[in-house]
Amino acid sequence: MEVILMERVEKLGLMGDVVKVKPGYARNYLLPQKKALRANKDNLALFETQRTQLEADNLKLRKEAGAIAAKLEGLVVVLIRQAGDNGQLYGSVTARDLAQAITEAGFTVDRKQIVLEKAIKVLGLHPVKIRLHPEVVVEVTANVARSEAEAESQAETGHLISAEEQRETEEAAVEAIVAEVEETEQAEAEEAEAATPASEESEAETRA
């Protein structure tokens, strides 16, 4: 089946192109989504009369999408999920979850704009593409972790911290705190000890 593309369609063509596609693809996707028209004489003539306006509208929408993309560039959204020690999630992160997280970050994004081949099922940093316009795609990062602390560690190191590494980090932090407390107590004790003779000498002079 031949259709006229009303907008750019990835791996298919640009606005105004007449392309041949499978009938099912046209009927189930391109035509209902108004991304294309059947390539008959009447529709070809209709498109040509509207081409200038369609191209102007497309340019405006593309500029608006580009402005949003500039703000989204580099965005990292944190999604807290339960997972095993091997990093496997007890469930998954879907396009709907990502759209909600991005929206909560201050950007209105529909789940249909999320380009996700399959749901995220492991912890870590995952690049996610958002198609804001047929010609504008921006990439953000999904930081999937078991806790805010783990998400922060992943963001700093660029990789998932294993359960063993997490335990070692926590133990090291506790040891550092204990050492600091002991050092402070020792310093205070030494100061008190150093001050004692001077105090006793002063008292002796007072009695004399």
C-alpha atoms as a PDB file:
ATOM      1  CA  MET A   1       0.000   0.000   0.000  1.00  0.00           C
ATOM      2  CA  GLU A   2       1.282   3.502  -0.851  1.00  0.00           C
ATOM      3  CA  VAL A   3       0.837   6.380   1.594  1.00  0.00           C
ATOM      4  CA  ILE A   4       1.798  10.055   1.817  1.00  0.00           C
ATOM      5  CA  LEU A   5       3.709  10.824   4.990  1.00  0.00           C
ATOM      6  CA  MET A   6       2.291  13.782   6.915  1.00  0.00           C
ATOM      7  CA  GLU A   7       5.390  13.976   9.132  1.00  0.00           C
ATOM      8  CA  ARG A   8       8.807  12.409   9.424  1.00  0.00           C
ATOM      9  CA  VAL A   9       8.562   8.713  10.314  1.00  0.00           C
ATOM     10  CA  GLU A  10      11.774   7.037  11.446  1.00  0.00           C
ATOM     11  CA  LYS A  11      13.209   4.548   8.939  1.00  0.00           C
ATOM     12  CA  LEU A  12      10.426   5.402   6.504  1.00  0.00           C
ATOM     13  CA  GLY A  13      10.715   8.955   5.202  1.00  0.00           C
ATOM     14  CA  LEU A  14      10.043  12.678   5.546  1.00  0.00           C
ATOM     15  CA  MET A  15       6.887  14.774   5.316  1.00  0.00           C
ATOM     16  CA  GLY A  16       5.491  14.639   1.794  1.00  0.00           C
ATOM     17  CA  ASP A  17       7.244  11.417   0.811  1.00  0.00           C
ATOM     18  CA  VAL A  18       5.131   8.783  -0.923  1.00  0.00           C
ATOM     19  CA  VAL A  19       6.224   5.408   0.418  1.00  0.00           C
ATOM     20  CA  LYS A  20       5.115   1.820   0.141  1.00  0.00           C
ATOM     21  CA  VAL A  21       4.246   0.034   3.385  1.00  0.00           C
ATOM     22  CA  LYS A  22       2.503  -3.108   4.509  1.00  0.00           C
ATOM     23  CA  PRO A  23      -1.297  -2.691   4.603  1.00  0.00           C
ATOM     24  CA  GLY A  24      -1.465  -3.719   8.275  1.00  0.00           C
ATOM     25  CA  TYR A  25       1.140  -1.131   9.286  1.00  0.00           C
ATOM     26  CA  ALA A  26      -0.796   1.569   7.455  1.00  0.00           C
ATOM     27  CA  ARG A  27      -4.228   0.601   8.793  1.00  0.00           C
ATOM     28  CA  ASN A  28      -3.145  -0.071  12.381  1.00  0.00           C
ATOM     29  CA  TYR A  29      -0.624   2.705  12.901  1.00  0.00           C
ATOM     30  CA  LEU A  30       0.072   5.308  10.209  1.00  0.00           C
ATOM     31  CA  LEU A  31      -3.493   6.146   9.218  1.00  0.00           C
ATOM     32  CA  PRO A  32      -5.115   6.108  12.721  1.00  0.00           C
ATOM     33  CA  GLN A  33      -2.249   8.216  14.123  1.00  0.00           C
ATOM     34  CA  LYS A  34      -2.675  10.654  11.205  1.00  0.00           C
ATOM     35  CA  LYS A  35       0.947  10.216  10.287  1.00  0.00           C
ATOM     36  CA  ALA A  36      -0.010   9.412   6.712  1.00  0.00           C
ATOM     37  CA  LEU A  37      -2.772   9.505   4.090  1.00  0.00           C
ATOM     38  CA  ARG A  38      -3.585   6.976   1.427  1.00  0.00           C
ATOM     39  CA  ALA A  39      -1.659   7.935  -1.695  1.00  0.00           C
ATOM     40  CA  ASN A  40      -4.573   8.473  -4.076  1.00  0.00           C
ATOM     41  CA  LYS A  41      -5.143  11.314  -6.529  1.00  0.00           C
ATOM     42  CA  ASP A  42      -7.408  13.337  -4.228  1.00  0.00           C
ATOM     43  CA  ASN A  43      -5.109  13.084  -1.195  1.00  0.00           C
ATOM     44  CA  LEU A  44      -2.048  13.979  -3.258  1.00  0.00           C
ATOM     45  CA  ALA A  45      -3.818  17.113  -4.480  1.00  0.00           C
ATOM     46  CA  LEU A  46      -5.021  17.918  -0.939  1.00  0.00           C
ATOM     47  CA  PHE A  47      -1.525  17.570   0.479  1.00  0.00           C
ATOM     48  CA  GLU A  48      -0.026  19.888  -2.137  1.00  0.00           C
ATOM     49  CA  THR A  49      -2.565  22.606  -1.336  1.00  0.00           C
ATOM     50  CA  GLN A  50      -1.752  22.296   2.384  1.00  0.00           C
ATOM     51  CA  ARG A  51       1.999  21.667   2.102  1.00  0.00           C
ATOM     52  CA  THR A  52       3.089  25.241   2.907  1.00  0.00           C
ATOM     53  CA  GLN A  53       0.914  25.460   6.013  1.00  0.00           C
ATOM     54  CA  LEU A  54       1.854  21.950   7.146  1.00  0.00           C
ATOM     55  CA  GLU A  55       5.558  22.716   6.812  1.00  0.00           C
ATOM     56  CA  ALA A  56       5.139  25.993   8.733  1.00  0.00           C
ATOM     57  CA  ASP A  57       3.244  24.214  11.522  1.00  0.00           C
ATOM     58  CA  ASN A  58       5.870  21.485  11.639  1.00  0.00           C
ATOM     59  CA  LEU A  59       8.677  24.049  11.884  1.00  0.00           C
ATOM     60  CA  LYS A  60       6.945  25.769  14.814  1.00  0.00           C
ATOM     61  CA  LEU A  61       6.407  22.496  16.669  1.00  0.00           C
ATOM     62  CA  ARG A  62       9.989  21.431  15.985  1.00  0.00           C
ATOM     63  CA  LYS A  63      11.333  24.679  17.468  1.00  0.00           C
ATOM     64  CA  GLU A  64       9.163  24.272  20.566  1.00  0.00           C
ATOM     65  CA  ALA A  65      10.342  20.678  20.969  1.00  0.00           C
ATOM     66  CA  GLY A  66      13.941  21.786  20.519  1.00  0.00           C
ATOM     67  CA  ALA A  67      13.588  24.319  23.334  1.00  0.00           C
ATOM     68  CA  ILE A  68      12.223  21.629  25.661  1.00  0.00           C
ATOM     69  CA  ALA A  69      14.973  19.221  24.589  1.00  0.00           C
ATOM     70  CA  ALA A  70      17.619  21.775  25.561  1.00  0.00           C
ATOM     71  CA  LYS A  71      16.173  21.888  29.091  1.00  0.00           C
ATOM     72  CA  LEU A  72      15.859  18.097  29.317  1.00  0.00           C
ATOM     73  CA  GLU A  73      19.420  17.458  28.137  1.00  0.00           C
ATOM     74  CA  GLY A  74      21.424  15.871  30.945  1.00  0.00           C
ATOM     75  CA  LEU A  75      18.399  15.258  33.190  1.00  0.00           C
ATOM     76  CA  VAL A  76      18.768  12.356  35.628  1.00  0.00           C
ATOM     77  CA  VAL A  77      15.637  10.934  37.245  1.00  0.00           C
ATOM     78  CA  VAL A  78      15.885   8.636  40.261  1.00  0.00           C
ATOM     79  CA  LEU A  79      13.560   5.650  40.547  1.00  0.00           C
ATOM     80  CA  ILE A  80      13.696   3.689  43.812  1.00  0.00           C
ATOM     81  CA  ARG A  81      12.896  -0.009  43.409  1.00  0.00           C
ATOM     82  CA  GLN A  82      13.354  -3.212  45.392  1.00  0.00           C
ATOM     83  CA  ALA A  83      15.958  -5.599  44.007  1.00  0.00           C
ATOM     84  CA  GLY A  84      18.102  -8.598  44.884  1.00  0.00           C
ATOM     85  CA  ASP A  85      21.829  -8.564  45.646  1.00  0.00           C
ATOM     86  CA  ASN A  86      22.499  -9.378  41.975  1.00  0.00           C
ATOM     87  CA  GLY A  87      20.811  -6.148  40.899  1.00  0.00           C
ATOM     88  CA  GLN A  88      17.708  -7.783  39.417  1.00  0.00           C
ATOM     89  CA  LEU A  89      14.561  -5.779  40.108  1.00  0.00           C
ATOM     90  CA  TYR A  90      11.534  -7.334  41.744  1.00  0.00           C
ATOM     91  CA  GLY A  91       9.437  -6.083  38.851  1.00  0.00           C
ATOM     92  CA  SER A  92      10.447  -3.562  36.190  1.00  0.00           C
ATOM     93  CA  VAL A  93      10.560   0.111  35.224  1.00  0.00           C
ATOM     94  CA  THR A  94       8.244   0.843  32.296  1.00  0.00           C
ATOM     95  CA  ALA A  95       7.716   3.735  29.912  1.00  0.00           C
ATOM     96  CA  ARG A  96       4.808   4.836  32.110  1.00  0.00           C
ATOM     97  CA  ASP A  97       7.066   4.914  35.188  1.00  0.00           C
ATOM     98  CA  LEU A  98       9.680   6.947  33.335  1.00  0.00           C
ATOM     99  CA  ALA A  99       7.112   9.412  31.994  1.00  0.00           C
ATOM    100  CA  GLN A 100       5.768   9.917  35.521  1.00  0.00           C
ATOM    101  CA  ALA A 101       9.263  10.475  36.964  1.00  0.00           C
ATOM    102  CA  ILE A 102      10.140  12.985  34.237  1.00  0.00           C
ATOM    103  CA  THR A 103       6.817  14.775  34.712  1.00  0.00           C
ATOM    104  CA  GLU A 104       7.472  14.984  38.469  1.00  0.00           C
ATOM    105  CA  ALA A 105      10.823  16.564  37.595  1.00  0.00           C
ATOM    106  CA  GLY A 106       8.897  19.412  35.973  1.00  0.00           C
ATOM    107  CA  PHE A 107       8.461  18.328  32.350  1.00  0.00           C
ATOM    108  CA  THR A 108       5.233  17.154  30.756  1.00  0.00           C
ATOM    109  CA  VAL A 109       6.006  13.938  28.890  1.00  0.00           C
ATOM    110  CA  ASP A 110       3.614  11.254  27.671  1.00  0.00           C
ATOM    111  CA  ARG A 111       4.572   7.596  27.956  1.00  0.00           C
ATOM    112  CA  LYS A 112       4.156   7.281  24.175  1.00  0.00           C
ATOM    113  CA  GLN A 113       7.070   9.691  23.784  1.00  0.00           C
ATOM    114  CA  ILE A 114       9.393   7.388  25.732  1.00  0.00           C
ATOM    115  CA  VAL A 115      11.521   5.280  23.374  1.00  0.00           C
ATOM    116  CA  LEU A 116      12.047   2.068  25.335  1.00  0.00           C
ATOM    117  CA  GLU A 117      12.596  -1.218  23.507  1.00  0.00           C
ATOM    118  CA  LYS A 118      11.977  -3.212  26.684  1.00  0.00           C
ATOM    119  CA  ALA A 119      11.289  -2.520  30.335  1.00  0.00           C
ATOM    120  CA  ILE A 120      14.257  -1.892  32.647  1.00  0.00           C
ATOM    121  CA  LYS A 121      14.779  -4.902  34.923  1.00  0.00           C
ATOM    122  CA  VAL A 122      18.143  -4.211  36.582  1.00  0.00           C
ATOM    123  CA  LEU A 123      19.574  -1.536  38.845  1.00  0.00           C
ATOM    124  CA  GLY A 124      21.953   1.013  37.384  1.00  0.00           C
ATOM    125  CA  LEU A 125      22.156   4.041  35.109  1.00  0.00           C
ATOM    126  CA  HIS A 126      20.079   3.626  31.956  1.00  0.00           C
ATOM    127  CA  PRO A 127      20.022   6.046  28.982  1.00  0.00           C
ATOM    128  CA  VAL A 128      16.451   6.712  27.868  1.00  0.00           C
ATOM    129  CA  LYS A 129      15.396   8.485  24.682  1.00  0.00           C
ATOM    130  CA  ILE A 130      12.386  10.799  24.524  1.00  0.00           C
ATOM    131  CA  ARG A 131      10.857  11.637  21.161  1.00  0.00           C
ATOM    132  CA  LEU A 132       9.455  15.137  21.627  1.00  0.00           C
ATOM    133  CA  HIS A 133       8.822  15.561  17.905  1.00  0.00           C
ATOM    134  CA  PRO A 134       9.362  13.345  14.848  1.00  0.00           C
ATOM    135  CA  GLU A 135      12.606  15.247  14.279  1.00  0.00           C
ATOM    136  CA  VAL A 136      13.628  15.954  17.891  1.00  0.00           C
ATOM    137  CA  VAL A 137      14.909  13.239  20.227  1.00  0.00           C
ATOM    138  CA  VAL A 138      16.628  13.893  23.554  1.00  0.00           C
ATOM    139  CA  GLU A 139      18.339  11.486  25.936  1.00  0.00           C
ATOM    140  CA  VAL A 140      17.960  11.479  29.710  1.00  0.00           C
ATOM    141  CA  THR A 141      19.265   9.074  32.350  1.00  0.00           C
ATOM    142  CA  ALA A 142      17.203   6.799  34.581  1.00  0.00           C
ATOM    143  CA  ASN A 143      19.045   6.145  37.848  1.00  0.00           C
ATOM    144  CA  VAL A 144      17.378   2.982  39.171  1.00  0.00           C
ATOM    145  CA  ALA A 145      18.453   2.163  42.731  1.00  0.00           C
ATOM    146  CA  ARG A 146      17.316   0.581  45.992  1.00  0.00           C
ATOM    147  CA  SER A 147      17.746   3.770  48.003  1.00  0.00           C
ATOM    148  CA  GLU A 148      18.573   7.441  47.641  1.00  0.00           C
ATOM    149  CA  ALA A 149      22.052   6.719  49.022  1.00  0.00           C
ATOM    150  CA  GLU A 150      22.642   4.029  46.411  1.00  0.00           C
ATOM    151  CA  ALA A 151      21.361   6.327  43.672  1.00  0.00           C
ATOM    152  CA  GLU A 152      23.827   8.986  44.822  1.00  0.00           C
ATOM    153  CA  SER A 153      26.682   6.460  44.759  1.00  0.00           C
ATOM    154  CA  GLN A 154      25.725   5.335  41.267  1.00  0.00           C
ATOM    155  CA  ALA A 155      25.617   8.917  40.058  1.00  0.00           C
ATOM    156  CA  GLU A 156      29.094   9.586  41.476  1.00  0.00           C
ATOM    157  CA  THR A 157      30.782   6.363  40.333  1.00  0.00           C
ATOM    158  CA  GLY A 158      28.848   5.777  37.131  1.00  0.00           C
ATOM    159  CA  HIS A 159      28.121   2.156  38.000  1.00  0.00           C
ATOM    160  CA  LEU A 160      26.072  -0.038  40.306  1.00  0.00           C
ATOM    161  CA  ILE A 161      27.480  -0.630  43.780  1.00  0.00           C
ATOM    162  CA  SER A 162      27.203  -4.331  44.649  1.00  0.00           C
ATOM    163  CA  ALA A 163      25.724  -5.459  47.961  1.00  0.00           C
ATOM    164  CA  GLU A 164      29.196  -6.453  49.197  1.00  0.00           C
ATOM    165  CA  GLU A 165      30.672  -3.091  48.180  1.00  0.00           C
ATOM    166  CA  GLN A 166      27.747  -1.348  49.867  1.00  0.00           C
ATOM    167  CA  ARG A 167      28.409  -3.240  53.123  1.00  0.00           C
ATOM    168  CA  GLU A 168      32.126  -2.454  52.937  1.00  0.00           C
ATOM    169  CA  THR A 169      31.356   1.224  52.341  1.00  0.00           C
ATOM    170  CA  GLU A 170      28.959   1.343  55.292  1.00  0.00           C
ATOM    171  CA  GLU A 171      31.456  -0.469  57.561  1.00  0.00           C
ATOM    172  CA  ALA A 172      34.238   1.904  56.504  1.00  0.00           C
ATOM    173  CA  ALA A 173      31.988   4.882  57.270  1.00  0.00           C
ATOM    174  CA  VAL A 174      31.195   3.513  60.747  1.00  0.00           C
ATOM    175  CA  GLU A 175      34.890   2.831  61.431  1.00  0.00           C
ATOM    176  CA  ALA A 176      35.764   6.371  60.362  1.00  0.00           C
ATOM    177  CA  ILE A 177      33.172   7.832  62.745  1.00  0.00           C
ATOM    178  CA  VAL A 178      34.396   5.649  65.630  1.00  0.00           C
ATOM    179  CA  ALA A 179      38.018   6.630  64.933  1.00  0.00           C
ATOM    180  CA  GLU A 180      37.072  10.311  64.866  1.00  0.00           C
ATOM    181  CA  VAL A 181      35.227  10.033  68.187  1.00  0.00           C
ATOM    182  CA  GLU A 182      38.152   8.190  69.796  1.00  0.00           C
ATOM    183  CA  GLU A 183      40.590  10.792  68.479  1.00  0.00           C
ATOM    184  CA  THR A 184      38.450  13.615  69.871  1.00  0.00           C
ATOM    185  CA  GLU A 185      38.150  11.924  73.264  1.00  0.00           C
ATOM    186  CA  GLN A 186      41.902  11.326  73.383  1.00  0.00           C
ATOM    187  CA  ALA A 187      42.633  14.958  72.499  1.00  0.00           C
ATOM    188  CA  GLU A 188      40.252  16.165  75.220  1.00  0.00           C
ATOM    189  CA  ALA A 189      41.859  13.828  77.752  1.00  0.00           C
ATOM    190  CA  GLU A 190      45.341  15.091  76.863  1.00  0.00           C
ATOM    191  CA  GLU A 191      44.188  18.709  77.197  1.00  0.00           C
ATOM    192  CA  ALA A 192      42.681  17.970  80.598  1.00  0.00           C
ATOM    193  CA  GLU A 193      45.844  16.199  81.723  1.00  0.00           C
ATOM    194  CA  ALA A 194      48.043  19.061  80.513  1.00  0.00           C
ATOM    195  CA  ALA A 195      45.879  21.605  82.324  1.00  0.00           C
ATOM    196  CA  THR A 196      45.898  19.775  85.694  1.00  0.00           C
ATOM    197  CA  PRO A 197      49.491  20.602  86.880  1.00  0.00           C
ATOM    198  CA  ALA A 198      49.061  24.306  86.129  1.00  0.00           C
ATOM    199  CA  SER A 199      45.834  24.365  88.077  1.00  0.00           C
ATOM    200  CA  GLU A 200      47.360  22.604  91.095  1.00  0.00           C
ATOM    201  CA  GLU A 201      50.376  24.973  91.046  1.00  0.00           C
ATOM    202  CA  SER A 202      48.041  27.958  91.009  1.00  0.00           C
ATOM    203  CA  GLU A 203      46.148  26.630  94.031  1.00  0.00           C
ATOM    204  CA  ALA A 204      49.423  26.080  95.915  1.00  0.00           C
ATOM    205  CA  GLU A 205      50.532  29.669  95.296  1.00  0.00           C
ATOM    206  CA  THR A 206      47.170  30.943  96.526  1.00  0.00           C
ATOM    207  CA  ARG A 207      47.500  29.061  99.817  1.00  0.00           C
ATOM    208  CA  ALA A 208      51.041  30.425 100.336  1.00  0.00           C
END
